[in-house]
Each structure stands twice: as C-alpha cells, then as structure tokens.
C-alpha cells in the first residue's frame, strides 16, 4: 500500500475504500432507537460499557471491535452475511 504525507505530516491513504465508510441500506434501521455507527468512528470500548451491542460485518475491524467491546459490554453479538 502506498501512503502519502500531507503538508501537516499526516498520513493519507489515496484509496477511497479506506477513507469513505460504506454503510449499507438496512430495512427498518431508521426505527432503531439505539446508536448506529461505522467502525471508522470507533475509538474505545469504554463507550459501550454495560450495553448490548451488535457488530455487523465480519471484516477484521468488526471482529477486533467485537472482541474489545466484549470485555465491557453486557452482551456482544456478531452478524454477517
């Protein structure tokens, strides 16, 4: 992978699939009352302490997050396919 540095010495990855999160259309998601967010904005498991969490997708980031969050969440489920 090629990475470039900008004028502020930040790494920039020139590939779209690393910079723009893909959020699929999920029928009925607008009726869900909880938090819905992409793994790109995930920073730490602490935000999920004592919550019931569903991680959608089986890519590396989803699996990493599911494992991390399981240490503090009430329940974690993974769903893919």
C-alpha atoms as a PDB file:
ATOM      1  CA  UNK A   1       0.000   0.000   0.000  1.00  0.00           C
ATOM      2  CA  UNK A   2       1.240   3.477  -0.840  1.00  0.00           C
ATOM      3  CA  UNK A   3       0.739   6.234   1.714  1.00  0.00           C
ATOM      4  CA  UNK A   4       1.430   9.907   1.212  1.00  0.00           C
ATOM      5  CA  UNK A   5       2.113  12.589   3.789  1.00  0.00           C
ATOM      6  CA  UNK A   6       0.333  15.905   3.518  1.00  0.00           C
ATOM      7  CA  UNK A   7       1.803  19.295   4.493  1.00  0.00           C
ATOM      8  CA  UNK A   8       0.834  18.690   8.144  1.00  0.00           C
ATOM      9  CA  UNK A   9       2.851  15.450   8.225  1.00  0.00           C
ATOM     10  CA  UNK A  10      -0.340  13.339   8.360  1.00  0.00           C
ATOM     11  CA  UNK A  11      -0.541  10.036   6.535  1.00  0.00           C
ATOM     12  CA  UNK A  12      -3.149   9.961   3.803  1.00  0.00           C
ATOM     13  CA  UNK A  13      -4.227   6.796   2.104  1.00  0.00           C
ATOM     14  CA  UNK A  14      -5.195   7.567  -1.505  1.00  0.00           C
ATOM     15  CA  UNK A  15      -7.710   4.725  -1.806  1.00  0.00           C
ATOM     16  CA  UNK A  16     -11.411   5.577  -1.437  1.00  0.00           C
ATOM     17  CA  UNK A  17     -12.332   2.368   0.402  1.00  0.00           C
ATOM     18  CA  UNK A  18     -10.100   3.434   3.286  1.00  0.00           C
ATOM     19  CA  UNK A  19     -11.397   6.986   3.556  1.00  0.00           C
ATOM     20  CA  UNK A  20     -15.172   6.821   2.971  1.00  0.00           C
ATOM     21  CA  UNK A  21     -17.101   4.381   5.164  1.00  0.00           C
ATOM     22  CA  UNK A  22     -19.543   2.080   3.404  1.00  0.00           C
ATOM     23  CA  UNK A  23     -22.862   1.927   5.225  1.00  0.00           C
ATOM     24  CA  UNK A  24     -25.305  -0.498   3.596  1.00  0.00           C
ATOM     25  CA  UNK A  25     -29.023   0.140   3.442  1.00  0.00           C
ATOM     26  CA  UNK A  26     -30.748  -1.892   6.141  1.00  0.00           C
ATOM     27  CA  UNK A  27     -34.519  -2.059   6.008  1.00  0.00           C
ATOM     28  CA  UNK A  28     -36.032  -0.601   9.182  1.00  0.00           C
ATOM     29  CA  UNK A  29     -32.785   0.845  10.572  1.00  0.00           C
ATOM     30  CA  UNK A  30     -34.405   4.268  10.924  1.00  0.00           C
ATOM     31  CA  UNK A  31     -36.758   2.773  13.529  1.00  0.00           C
ATOM     32  CA  UNK A  32     -33.884   1.563  15.729  1.00  0.00           C
ATOM     33  CA  UNK A  33     -33.629   3.783  18.823  1.00  0.00           C
ATOM     34  CA  UNK A  34     -30.005   2.997  19.708  1.00  0.00           C
ATOM     35  CA  UNK A  35     -26.667   4.172  18.408  1.00  0.00           C
ATOM     36  CA  UNK A  36     -25.672   3.212  14.864  1.00  0.00           C
ATOM     37  CA  UNK A  37     -22.122   3.991  13.813  1.00  0.00           C
ATOM     38  CA  UNK A  38     -19.427   2.829  11.431  1.00  0.00           C
ATOM     39  CA  UNK A  39     -16.219   1.247  12.706  1.00  0.00           C
ATOM     40  CA  UNK A  40     -14.323   4.229  11.304  1.00  0.00           C
ATOM     41  CA  UNK A  41     -15.516   6.351  14.252  1.00  0.00           C
ATOM     42  CA  UNK A  42     -14.805   3.684  16.914  1.00  0.00           C
ATOM     43  CA  UNK A  43     -12.152   4.796  19.405  1.00  0.00           C
ATOM     44  CA  UNK A  44     -12.514   2.682  22.551  1.00  0.00           C
ATOM     45  CA  UNK A  45     -14.651   0.007  24.138  1.00  0.00           C
ATOM     46  CA  UNK A  46     -15.479   2.191  27.136  1.00  0.00           C
ATOM     47  CA  UNK A  47     -18.340   3.896  25.253  1.00  0.00           C
ATOM     48  CA  UNK A  48     -20.096   0.522  25.174  1.00  0.00           C
ATOM     49  CA  UNK A  49     -19.816  -0.356  28.868  1.00  0.00           C
ATOM     50  CA  UNK A  50     -22.905  -2.259  30.092  1.00  0.00           C
ATOM     51  CA  UNK A  51     -24.647  -2.016  26.713  1.00  0.00           C
ATOM     52  CA  UNK A  52     -25.952  -4.742  24.429  1.00  0.00           C
ATOM     53  CA  UNK A  53     -24.030  -4.484  21.155  1.00  0.00           C
ATOM     54  CA  UNK A  54     -24.422  -5.983  17.682  1.00  0.00           C
ATOM     55  CA  UNK A  55     -21.453  -5.766  15.345  1.00  0.00           C
ATOM     56  CA  UNK A  56     -22.458  -6.119  11.693  1.00  0.00           C
ATOM     57  CA  UNK A  57     -19.821  -7.486   9.341  1.00  0.00           C
ATOM     58  CA  UNK A  58     -17.021  -9.991   9.686  1.00  0.00           C
ATOM     59  CA  UNK A  59     -14.122  -7.938   8.350  1.00  0.00           C
ATOM     60  CA  UNK A  60     -11.053  -7.573  10.551  1.00  0.00           C
ATOM     61  CA  UNK A  61     -12.179  -4.291  12.110  1.00  0.00           C
ATOM     62  CA  UNK A  62     -15.595  -5.711  13.051  1.00  0.00           C
ATOM     63  CA  UNK A  63     -14.083  -8.766  14.686  1.00  0.00           C
ATOM     64  CA  UNK A  64     -11.478  -6.683  16.528  1.00  0.00           C
ATOM     65  CA  UNK A  65     -14.170  -4.355  17.858  1.00  0.00           C
ATOM     66  CA  UNK A  66     -16.428  -7.246  18.918  1.00  0.00           C
ATOM     67  CA  UNK A  67     -13.602  -8.787  20.956  1.00  0.00           C
ATOM     68  CA  UNK A  68     -12.601  -5.472  22.547  1.00  0.00           C
ATOM     69  CA  UNK A  69     -16.161  -4.432  23.393  1.00  0.00           C
ATOM     70  CA  UNK A  70     -16.975  -7.851  24.859  1.00  0.00           C
ATOM     71  CA  UNK A  71     -14.728  -7.020  27.815  1.00  0.00           C
ATOM     72  CA  UNK A  72     -17.045  -4.199  28.970  1.00  0.00           C
ATOM     73  CA  UNK A  73     -20.425  -4.661  27.285  1.00  0.00           C
ATOM     74  CA  UNK A  74     -23.349  -6.522  28.807  1.00  0.00           C
ATOM     75  CA  UNK A  75     -23.640  -8.605  25.616  1.00  0.00           C
ATOM     76  CA  UNK A  76     -21.987  -8.636  22.192  1.00  0.00           C
ATOM     77  CA  UNK A  77     -23.290 -10.381  19.100  1.00  0.00           C
ATOM     78  CA  UNK A  78     -21.697 -10.513  15.662  1.00  0.00           C
ATOM     79  CA  UNK A  79     -23.729 -10.750  12.500  1.00  0.00           C
ATOM     80  CA  UNK A  80     -22.505 -11.148   8.943  1.00  0.00           C
ATOM     81  CA  UNK A  81     -23.538 -12.477   5.599  1.00  0.00           C
END
